Amino acid sequence: MTYSNLTVDIADRIATITVNRPDKLNALNDATIAELGVAIDAAIANDSVGAVILTGAGRAFVAGADISELASQSPLEAQARARAGQTVFRKFETSPKPTIAAVNGFSLGGGCELAMACHLRIASDKAKFGQPEAKLGIVPGFGGSQRLPRLIGRGAALKLLLTGDMIDATEAHRLGLADDVVPADQLMDRVRALATTMLANGPLALAGCIDAVNRGLDTSLEEGCRIESDLFGLLSATADMREGMQAFLDKRPATFTGR
């Protein structure tokens, strides 16, 4: 597919999705959000893709939603826009293939929400994070008020939400919003290396870990452990499990097939 606001590159089993509106600091308009939904669906469906990297062109990851669209929205339009964005972002969060946000610059508002929907966030030392919606008289619409406290805790999340303050990559890492901070000129190489490390593992195991964490966080510890044991049992019936165990015993790298 040809995209207007994204570029998609597939190499070495990694799909790199780049939001490509640098003149708008990659602001998320409706068309860009729709294209993100198509791109992540295509990556998940593509058997030659094992992991997804999401980043932005130029000096921003995503600087927020496109205010020119939001400024004139009616209440019903706003609600529909929020739900449409939430649906797309949820695709990144529930992808059975690892999704990694390579946060190269400004990650504000909808951009911070998009990064939080990915499984991991690796930040450039030039990245900036924030949820400034209160400064515009609104609340986050794409899941920010829900994912942020789950990642960094209630108090720290409310401080960012209620002040609208922007924080740097070091503070984001301290809070747990960024999983790592690397020099800007090394960001993509480091993220690709991380994805490659993951791809050496069994794809069914990767999907199982993502599923266990996602479902387990929304329930009790007891129920989460039941989910885990069910997946442990299911994966023990796979060819990948047999290959992984035998490779360990043989002291050789495993060759996984996803079966």
C-alpha atoms as a PDB file:
ATOM      1  CA  MET A   1       0.000   0.000   0.000  1.00  0.00           C
ATOM      2  CA  THR A   2       1.045   3.588  -0.672  1.00  0.00           C
ATOM      3  CA  TYR A   3       0.802   5.855   2.375  1.00  0.00           C
ATOM      4  CA  SER A   4       0.464   9.640   2.361  1.00  0.00           C
ATOM      5  CA  ASN A   5       1.647  10.294   5.920  1.00  0.00           C
ATOM      6  CA  LEU A   6       3.780   7.235   6.721  1.00  0.00           C
ATOM      7  CA  THR A   7       6.710   5.325   5.328  1.00  0.00           C
ATOM      8  CA  VAL A   8       7.027   1.595   5.942  1.00  0.00           C
ATOM      9  CA  ASP A   9      10.276  -0.312   5.465  1.00  0.00           C
ATOM     10  CA  ILE A  10      10.675  -4.062   6.005  1.00  0.00           C
ATOM     11  CA  ALA A  11      14.140  -5.527   6.452  1.00  0.00           C
ATOM     12  CA  ASP A  12      15.525  -8.438   8.460  1.00  0.00           C
ATOM     13  CA  ARG A  13      12.019  -9.351   9.706  1.00  0.00           C
ATOM     14  CA  ILE A  14      11.542  -5.859  11.202  1.00  0.00           C
ATOM     15  CA  ALA A  15       8.867  -3.471   9.929  1.00  0.00           C
ATOM     16  CA  THR A  16       9.808   0.156  10.588  1.00  0.00           C
ATOM     17  CA  ILE A  17       6.786   2.468  10.499  1.00  0.00           C
ATOM     18  CA  THR A  18       7.735   6.152  10.338  1.00  0.00           C
ATOM     19  CA  VAL A  19       5.202   8.934  10.817  1.00  0.00           C
ATOM     20  CA  ASN A  20       6.211  11.263   7.989  1.00  0.00           C
ATOM     21  CA  ARG A  21       4.754  14.748   8.435  1.00  0.00           C
ATOM     22  CA  PRO A  22       7.925  16.548   9.538  1.00  0.00           C
ATOM     23  CA  ASP A  23       6.581  19.975   8.533  1.00  0.00           C
ATOM     24  CA  LYS A  24       3.789  19.432  11.115  1.00  0.00           C
ATOM     25  CA  LEU A  25       6.122  17.762  13.651  1.00  0.00           C
ATOM     26  CA  ASN A  26       4.279  14.542  12.713  1.00  0.00           C
ATOM     27  CA  ALA A  27       1.035  15.729  14.315  1.00  0.00           C
ATOM     28  CA  LEU A  28      -1.672  13.068  14.222  1.00  0.00           C
ATOM     29  CA  ASN A  29      -4.567  14.043  12.008  1.00  0.00           C
ATOM     30  CA  ASP A  30      -7.399  11.639  11.273  1.00  0.00           C
ATOM     31  CA  ALA A  31      -5.788  10.438   8.051  1.00  0.00           C
ATOM     32  CA  THR A  32      -2.498   9.610   9.776  1.00  0.00           C
ATOM     33  CA  ILE A  33      -4.230   7.670  12.536  1.00  0.00           C
ATOM     34  CA  ALA A  34      -6.175   5.689   9.943  1.00  0.00           C
ATOM     35  CA  GLU A  35      -2.951   4.896   8.068  1.00  0.00           C
ATOM     36  CA  LEU A  36      -1.303   3.752  11.313  1.00  0.00           C
ATOM     37  CA  GLY A  37      -4.151   1.288  11.745  1.00  0.00           C
ATOM     38  CA  VAL A  38      -3.655  -0.083   8.252  1.00  0.00           C
ATOM     39  CA  ALA A  39       0.128  -0.290   8.696  1.00  0.00           C
ATOM     40  CA  ILE A  40       0.061  -2.193  11.982  1.00  0.00           C
ATOM     41  CA  ASP A  41      -2.614  -4.566  10.668  1.00  0.00           C
ATOM     42  CA  ALA A  42      -0.435  -5.266   7.632  1.00  0.00           C
ATOM     43  CA  ALA A  43       2.651  -5.870   9.780  1.00  0.00           C
ATOM     44  CA  ILE A  44       0.787  -8.290  12.035  1.00  0.00           C
ATOM     45  CA  ALA A  45      -0.583 -10.183   9.036  1.00  0.00           C
ATOM     46  CA  ASN A  46       2.774 -10.356   7.230  1.00  0.00           C
ATOM     47  CA  ASP A  47       4.546 -13.646   7.988  1.00  0.00           C
ATOM     48  CA  SER A  48       7.895 -12.094   7.030  1.00  0.00           C
ATOM     49  CA  VAL A  49       7.587  -9.533   9.857  1.00  0.00           C
ATOM     50  CA  GLY A  50       8.466 -10.523  13.418  1.00  0.00           C
ATOM     51  CA  ALA A  51       8.703  -7.137  15.146  1.00  0.00           C
ATOM     52  CA  VAL A  52       7.632  -3.539  14.583  1.00  0.00           C
ATOM     53  CA  ILE A  53       9.534  -0.302  15.217  1.00  0.00           C
ATOM     54  CA  LEU A  54       7.557   2.952  15.293  1.00  0.00           C
ATOM     55  CA  THR A  55       9.321   6.307  14.930  1.00  0.00           C
ATOM     56  CA  GLY A  56       8.951   9.788  13.471  1.00  0.00           C
ATOM     57  CA  ALA A  57      10.606  11.728  10.663  1.00  0.00           C
ATOM     58  CA  GLY A  58      12.649  14.816  11.457  1.00  0.00           C
ATOM     59  CA  ARG A  59      12.954  16.240  14.971  1.00  0.00           C
ATOM     60  CA  ALA A  60       9.722  14.848  16.404  1.00  0.00           C
ATOM     61  CA  PHE A  61       8.362  11.409  17.203  1.00  0.00           C
ATOM     62  CA  VAL A  62       4.815  12.779  17.234  1.00  0.00           C
ATOM     63  CA  ALA A  63       4.270  16.255  18.685  1.00  0.00           C
ATOM     64  CA  GLY A  64       0.582  15.635  19.403  1.00  0.00           C
ATOM     65  CA  ALA A  65      -2.777  15.595  17.710  1.00  0.00           C
ATOM     66  CA  ASP A  66      -3.454  17.974  14.835  1.00  0.00           C
ATOM     67  CA  ILE A  67      -5.059  20.924  16.636  1.00  0.00           C
ATOM     68  CA  SER A  68      -6.433  22.319  13.371  1.00  0.00           C
ATOM     69  CA  GLU A  69      -8.839  19.345  13.307  1.00  0.00           C
ATOM     70  CA  LEU A  70      -9.627  19.393  17.017  1.00  0.00           C
ATOM     71  CA  ALA A  71     -10.357  23.114  17.295  1.00  0.00           C
ATOM     72  CA  SER A  72     -13.747  22.951  15.582  1.00  0.00           C
ATOM     73  CA  GLN A  73     -14.938  19.522  16.709  1.00  0.00           C
ATOM     74  CA  SER A  74     -18.350  19.013  18.272  1.00  0.00           C
ATOM     75  CA  PRO A  75     -18.738  16.892  21.416  1.00  0.00           C
ATOM     76  CA  LEU A  76     -19.909  13.894  19.379  1.00  0.00           C
ATOM     77  CA  GLU A  77     -17.122  14.351  16.851  1.00  0.00           C
ATOM     78  CA  ALA A  78     -14.590  14.549  19.687  1.00  0.00           C
ATOM     79  CA  GLN A  79     -15.883  11.352  21.261  1.00  0.00           C
ATOM     80  CA  ALA A  80     -15.806   9.523  17.914  1.00  0.00           C
ATOM     81  CA  ARG A  81     -12.285  10.816  17.173  1.00  0.00           C
ATOM     82  CA  ALA A  82     -11.034   9.648  20.564  1.00  0.00           C
ATOM     83  CA  ARG A  83     -12.540   6.191  20.146  1.00  0.00           C
ATOM     84  CA  ALA A  84     -11.128   5.830  16.640  1.00  0.00           C
ATOM     85  CA  GLY A  85      -7.637   6.708  17.896  1.00  0.00           C
ATOM     86  CA  GLN A  86      -7.971   4.414  20.893  1.00  0.00           C
ATOM     87  CA  THR A  87      -8.895   1.531  18.598  1.00  0.00           C
ATOM     88  CA  VAL A  88      -5.796   2.059  16.449  1.00  0.00           C
ATOM     89  CA  PHE A  89      -3.451   2.505  19.405  1.00  0.00           C
ATOM     90  CA  ARG A  90      -4.833  -0.662  20.977  1.00  0.00           C
ATOM     91  CA  LYS A  91      -3.669  -2.555  17.887  1.00  0.00           C
ATOM     92  CA  PHE A  92      -0.060  -1.670  18.747  1.00  0.00           C
ATOM     93  CA  GLU A  93      -0.599  -2.656  22.384  1.00  0.00           C
ATOM     94  CA  THR A  94      -2.170  -6.046  21.635  1.00  0.00           C
ATOM     95  CA  SER A  95       0.042  -6.935  18.665  1.00  0.00           C
ATOM     96  CA  PRO A  96       1.375 -10.497  19.078  1.00  0.00           C
ATOM     97  CA  LYS A  97       4.612  -9.187  17.577  1.00  0.00           C
ATOM     98  CA  PRO A  98       6.781  -6.853  19.692  1.00  0.00           C
ATOM     99  CA  THR A  99       6.182  -3.148  19.047  1.00  0.00           C
ATOM    100  CA  ILE A 100       8.957  -0.729  20.000  1.00  0.00           C
ATOM    101  CA  ALA A 101       8.642   3.060  19.944  1.00  0.00           C
ATOM    102  CA  ALA A 102      11.932   4.682  18.915  1.00  0.00           C
ATOM    103  CA  VAL A 103      11.224   8.100  20.424  1.00  0.00           C
ATOM    104  CA  ASN A 104      13.531  10.392  18.479  1.00  0.00           C
ATOM    105  CA  GLY A 105      12.181  13.788  19.577  1.00  0.00           C
ATOM    106  CA  PHE A 106       8.995  15.453  20.783  1.00  0.00           C
ATOM    107  CA  SER A 107       6.496  12.879  22.094  1.00  0.00           C
ATOM    108  CA  LEU A 108       3.644  15.011  23.332  1.00  0.00           C
ATOM    109  CA  GLY A 109      -0.097  14.518  23.747  1.00  0.00           C
ATOM    110  CA  GLY A 110      -1.203  11.976  21.184  1.00  0.00           C
ATOM    111  CA  GLY A 111       2.448  11.179  20.495  1.00  0.00           C
ATOM    112  CA  CYS A 112       3.102  10.248  24.107  1.00  0.00           C
ATOM    113  CA  GLU A 113      -0.095   8.190  24.046  1.00  0.00           C
ATOM    114  CA  LEU A 114       1.054   6.403  20.888  1.00  0.00           C
ATOM    115  CA  ALA A 115       4.450   5.636  22.422  1.00  0.00           C
ATOM    116  CA  MET A 116       2.783   4.302  25.578  1.00  0.00           C
ATOM    117  CA  ALA A 117       0.672   1.936  23.471  1.00  0.00           C
ATOM    118  CA  CYS A 118       3.846   0.241  22.214  1.00  0.00           C
ATOM    119  CA  HIS A 119       5.345  -2.570  24.256  1.00  0.00           C
ATOM    120  CA  LEU A 120       8.635  -0.709  24.826  1.00  0.00           C
ATOM    121  CA  ARG A 121       9.822   2.896  24.520  1.00  0.00           C
ATOM    122  CA  ILE A 122      13.487   3.594  23.748  1.00  0.00           C
ATOM    123  CA  ALA A 123      14.205   7.318  23.854  1.00  0.00           C
ATOM    124  CA  SER A 124      16.829   9.466  22.214  1.00  0.00           C
ATOM    125  CA  ASP A 125      18.627  11.726  24.671  1.00  0.00           C
ATOM    126  CA  LYS A 126      16.933  14.569  22.802  1.00  0.00           C
ATOM    127  CA  ALA A 127      13.392  13.236  23.339  1.00  0.00           C
ATOM    128  CA  LYS A 128      10.754  15.179  25.256  1.00  0.00           C
ATOM    129  CA  PHE A 129       7.578  13.693  26.743  1.00  0.00           C
ATOM    130  CA  GLY A 130       4.358  15.231  28.031  1.00  0.00           C
ATOM    131  CA  GLN A 131       0.568  15.230  28.165  1.00  0.00           C
ATOM    132  CA  PRO A 132      -0.277  18.939  27.755  1.00  0.00           C
ATOM    133  CA  GLU A 133      -3.988  18.519  27.011  1.00  0.00           C
ATOM    134  CA  ALA A 134      -5.085  20.410  30.143  1.00  0.00           C
ATOM    135  CA  LYS A 135      -3.407  23.505  28.679  1.00  0.00           C
ATOM    136  CA  LEU A 136      -5.920  23.229  25.824  1.00  0.00           C
ATOM    137  CA  GLY A 137      -8.902  22.755  28.131  1.00  0.00           C
ATOM    138  CA  ILE A 138      -9.317  19.056  27.386  1.00  0.00           C
ATOM    139  CA  VAL A 139      -8.208  15.668  28.691  1.00  0.00           C
ATOM    140  CA  PRO A 140      -6.154  13.103  26.750  1.00  0.00           C
ATOM    141  CA  GLY A 141      -8.294  11.285  24.209  1.00  0.00           C
ATOM    142  CA  PHE A 142      -6.169   8.344  23.080  1.00  0.00           C
ATOM    143  CA  GLY A 143      -5.632   6.529  26.388  1.00  0.00           C
ATOM    144  CA  GLY A 144      -3.145   8.808  28.120  1.00  0.00           C
ATOM    145  CA  SER A 145      -5.079   9.111  31.364  1.00  0.00           C
ATOM    146  CA  GLN A 146      -5.207   5.307  31.591  1.00  0.00           C
ATOM    147  CA  ARG A 147      -1.793   4.120  30.391  1.00  0.00           C
ATOM    148  CA  LEU A 148       0.282   6.805  32.101  1.00  0.00           C
ATOM    149  CA  PRO A 149      -0.672   5.859  35.698  1.00  0.00           C
ATOM    150  CA  ARG A 150      -0.275   2.187  34.844  1.00  0.00           C
ATOM    151  CA  LEU A 151       3.289   2.897  33.729  1.00  0.00           C
ATOM    152  CA  ILE A 152       4.523   5.440  36.279  1.00  0.00           C
ATOM    153  CA  GLY A 153       1.996   5.389  39.135  1.00  0.00           C
ATOM    154  CA  ARG A 154      -0.982   7.528  40.090  1.00  0.00           C
ATOM    155  CA  GLY A 155       0.781  10.484  41.674  1.00  0.00           C
ATOM    156  CA  ALA A 156       3.465  10.928  39.031  1.00  0.00           C
ATOM    157  CA  ALA A 157       0.874  10.569  36.273  1.00  0.00           C
ATOM    158  CA  LEU A 158      -1.461  13.118  37.814  1.00  0.00           C
ATOM    159  CA  LYS A 159       1.408  15.565  38.201  1.00  0.00           C
ATOM    160  CA  LEU A 160       2.149  15.382  34.477  1.00  0.00           C
ATOM    161  CA  LEU A 161      -1.527  15.459  33.508  1.00  0.00           C
ATOM    162  CA  LEU A 162      -2.501  18.344  35.799  1.00  0.00           C
ATOM    163  CA  THR A 163       0.517  20.547  35.078  1.00  0.00           C
ATOM    164  CA  GLY A 164       0.854  19.706  31.397  1.00  0.00           C
ATOM    165  CA  ASP A 165       4.616  19.891  31.945  1.00  0.00           C
ATOM    166  CA  MET A 166       7.092  18.527  29.416  1.00  0.00           C
ATOM    167  CA  ILE A 167       9.891  16.303  30.715  1.00  0.00           C
ATOM    168  CA  ASP A 168      13.164  15.225  29.177  1.00  0.00           C
ATOM    169  CA  ALA A 169      14.271  11.692  28.376  1.00  0.00           C
ATOM    170  CA  THR A 170      16.274  11.294  31.580  1.00  0.00           C
ATOM    171  CA  GLU A 171      13.255  12.121  33.748  1.00  0.00           C
ATOM    172  CA  ALA A 172      11.012   9.923  31.599  1.00  0.00           C
ATOM    173  CA  HIS A 173      13.435   7.057  32.207  1.00  0.00           C
ATOM    174  CA  ARG A 174      13.551   7.723  35.944  1.00  0.00           C
ATOM    175  CA  LEU A 175       9.755   7.619  36.103  1.00  0.00           C
ATOM    176  CA  GLY A 176       9.493   4.466  33.990  1.00  0.00           C
ATOM    177  CA  LEU A 177       7.917   6.121  30.967  1.00  0.00           C
ATOM    178  CA  ALA A 178      11.005   5.420  28.843  1.00  0.00           C
ATOM    179  CA  ASP A 179      12.614   1.992  29.097  1.00  0.00           C
ATOM    180  CA  ASP A 180      16.034   3.217  28.022  1.00  0.00           C
ATOM    181  CA  VAL A 181      17.779   6.403  26.848  1.00  0.00           C
ATOM    182  CA  VAL A 182      20.453   6.307  24.153  1.00  0.00           C
ATOM    183  CA  PRO A 183      22.444   8.927  22.201  1.00  0.00           C
ATOM    184  CA  ALA A 184      20.396  10.350  19.351  1.00  0.00           C
ATOM    185  CA  ASP A 185      22.790   9.153  16.666  1.00  0.00           C
ATOM    186  CA  GLN A 186      22.586   5.591  17.996  1.00  0.00           C
ATOM    187  CA  LEU A 187      18.828   5.365  18.504  1.00  0.00           C
ATOM    188  CA  MET A 188      17.747   3.381  15.461  1.00  0.00           C
ATOM    189  CA  ASP A 189      20.741   1.034  15.566  1.00  0.00           C
ATOM    190  CA  ARG A 190      20.093   0.282  19.246  1.00  0.00           C
ATOM    191  CA  VAL A 191      16.376  -0.282  18.685  1.00  0.00           C
ATOM    192  CA  ARG A 192      17.004  -2.565  15.730  1.00  0.00           C
ATOM    193  CA  ALA A 193      19.515  -4.516  17.807  1.00  0.00           C
ATOM    194  CA  LEU A 194      16.901  -4.880  20.559  1.00  0.00           C
ATOM    195  CA  ALA A 195      14.310  -6.100  18.062  1.00  0.00           C
ATOM    196  CA  THR A 196      16.835  -8.542  16.595  1.00  0.00           C
ATOM    197  CA  THR A 197      17.515  -9.976  20.051  1.00  0.00           C
ATOM    198  CA  MET A 198      13.801 -10.561  20.513  1.00  0.00           C
ATOM    199  CA  LEU A 199      13.503 -12.187  17.093  1.00  0.00           C
ATOM    200  CA  ALA A 200      16.002 -14.864  18.115  1.00  0.00           C
ATOM    201  CA  ASN A 201      13.312 -16.185  20.471  1.00  0.00           C
ATOM    202  CA  GLY A 202      10.240 -18.222  19.622  1.00  0.00           C
ATOM    203  CA  PRO A 203       7.503 -16.111  17.995  1.00  0.00           C
ATOM    204  CA  LEU A 204       4.761 -18.017  19.791  1.00  0.00           C
ATOM    205  CA  ALA A 205       6.580 -17.413  23.073  1.00  0.00           C
ATOM    206  CA  LEU A 206       6.848 -13.690  22.307  1.00  0.00           C
ATOM    207  CA  ALA A 207       3.131 -13.532  21.577  1.00  0.00           C
ATOM    208  CA  GLY A 208       2.401 -15.504  24.734  1.00  0.00           C
ATOM    209  CA  CYS A 209       4.447 -13.157  26.919  1.00  0.00           C
ATOM    210  CA  ILE A 210       2.660 -10.118  25.464  1.00  0.00           C
ATOM    211  CA  ASP A 211      -0.741 -11.741  25.939  1.00  0.00           C
ATOM    212  CA  ALA A 212       0.006 -12.821  29.514  1.00  0.00           C
ATOM    213  CA  VAL A 213       1.156  -9.352  30.546  1.00  0.00           C
ATOM    214  CA  ASN A 214      -1.682  -7.507  28.791  1.00  0.00           C
ATOM    215  CA  ARG A 215      -4.438  -9.711  30.181  1.00  0.00           C
ATOM    216  CA  GLY A 216      -2.809 -10.219  33.557  1.00  0.00           C
ATOM    217  CA  LEU A 217      -2.516  -6.505  34.298  1.00  0.00           C
ATOM    218  CA  ASP A 218      -6.271  -6.161  33.972  1.00  0.00           C
ATOM    219  CA  THR A 219      -7.103  -8.818  36.545  1.00  0.00           C
ATOM    220  CA  SER A 220      -6.093 -10.225  39.925  1.00  0.00           C
ATOM    221  CA  LEU A 221      -2.756 -11.914  40.559  1.00  0.00           C
ATOM    222  CA  GLU A 222      -4.566 -15.220  40.972  1.00  0.00           C
ATOM    223  CA  GLU A 223      -6.344 -14.900  37.626  1.00  0.00           C
ATOM    224  CA  GLY A 224      -3.152 -13.664  35.985  1.00  0.00           C
ATOM    225  CA  CYS A 225      -1.309 -16.763  37.145  1.00  0.00           C
ATOM    226  CA  ARG A 226      -4.102 -18.907  35.705  1.00  0.00           C
ATOM    227  CA  ILE A 227      -3.679 -17.137  32.362  1.00  0.00           C
ATOM    228  CA  GLU A 228       0.041 -17.805  32.545  1.00  0.00           C
ATOM    229  CA  SER A 229      -0.358 -21.504  33.339  1.00  0.00           C
ATOM    230  CA  ASP A 230      -2.834 -21.915  30.478  1.00  0.00           C
ATOM    231  CA  LEU A 231      -0.350 -20.368  28.040  1.00  0.00           C
ATOM    232  CA  PHE A 232       2.467 -22.463  29.523  1.00  0.00           C
ATOM    233  CA  GLY A 233       0.417 -25.557  28.771  1.00  0.00           C
ATOM    234  CA  LEU A 234      -0.575 -24.459  25.272  1.00  0.00           C
ATOM    235  CA  LEU A 235       2.991 -23.639  24.257  1.00  0.00           C
ATOM    236  CA  SER A 236       4.173 -27.002  25.539  1.00  0.00           C
ATOM    237  CA  ALA A 237       2.228 -28.590  22.683  1.00  0.00           C
ATOM    238  CA  THR A 238       4.169 -26.695  19.995  1.00  0.00           C
ATOM    239  CA  ALA A 239       7.022 -27.664  17.726  1.00  0.00           C
ATOM    240  CA  ASP A 240       8.790 -24.475  18.834  1.00  0.00           C
ATOM    241  CA  MET A 241       8.828 -25.681  22.433  1.00  0.00           C
ATOM    242  CA  ARG A 242      10.366 -28.994  21.402  1.00  0.00           C
ATOM    243  CA  GLU A 243      12.930 -27.221  19.226  1.00  0.00           C
ATOM    244  CA  GLY A 244      13.845 -24.736  21.944  1.00  0.00           C
ATOM    245  CA  MET A 245      14.320 -27.408  24.573  1.00  0.00           C
ATOM    246  CA  GLN A 246      16.334 -29.676  22.284  1.00  0.00           C
ATOM    247  CA  ALA A 247      18.510 -26.791  21.095  1.00  0.00           C
ATOM    248  CA  PHE A 248      19.291 -25.964  24.722  1.00  0.00           C
ATOM    249  CA  LEU A 249      20.269 -29.569  25.417  1.00  0.00           C
ATOM    250  CA  ASP A 250      22.317 -29.695  22.210  1.00  0.00           C
ATOM    251  CA  LYS A 251      23.997 -26.370  23.056  1.00  0.00           C
ATOM    252  CA  ARG A 252      23.065 -24.835  19.692  1.00  0.00           C
ATOM    253  CA  PRO A 253      20.912 -21.914  18.558  1.00  0.00           C
ATOM    254  CA  ALA A 254      17.263 -22.808  18.142  1.00  0.00           C
ATOM    255  CA  THR A 255      15.517 -22.587  14.786  1.00  0.00           C
ATOM    256  CA  PHE A 256      11.949 -21.560  15.476  1.00  0.00           C
ATOM    257  CA  THR A 257       9.151 -21.831  12.915  1.00  0.00           C
ATOM    258  CA  GLY A 258       6.196 -20.349  14.787  1.00  0.00           C
ATOM    259  CA  ARG A 259       4.425 -23.698  14.979  1.00  0.00           C
END
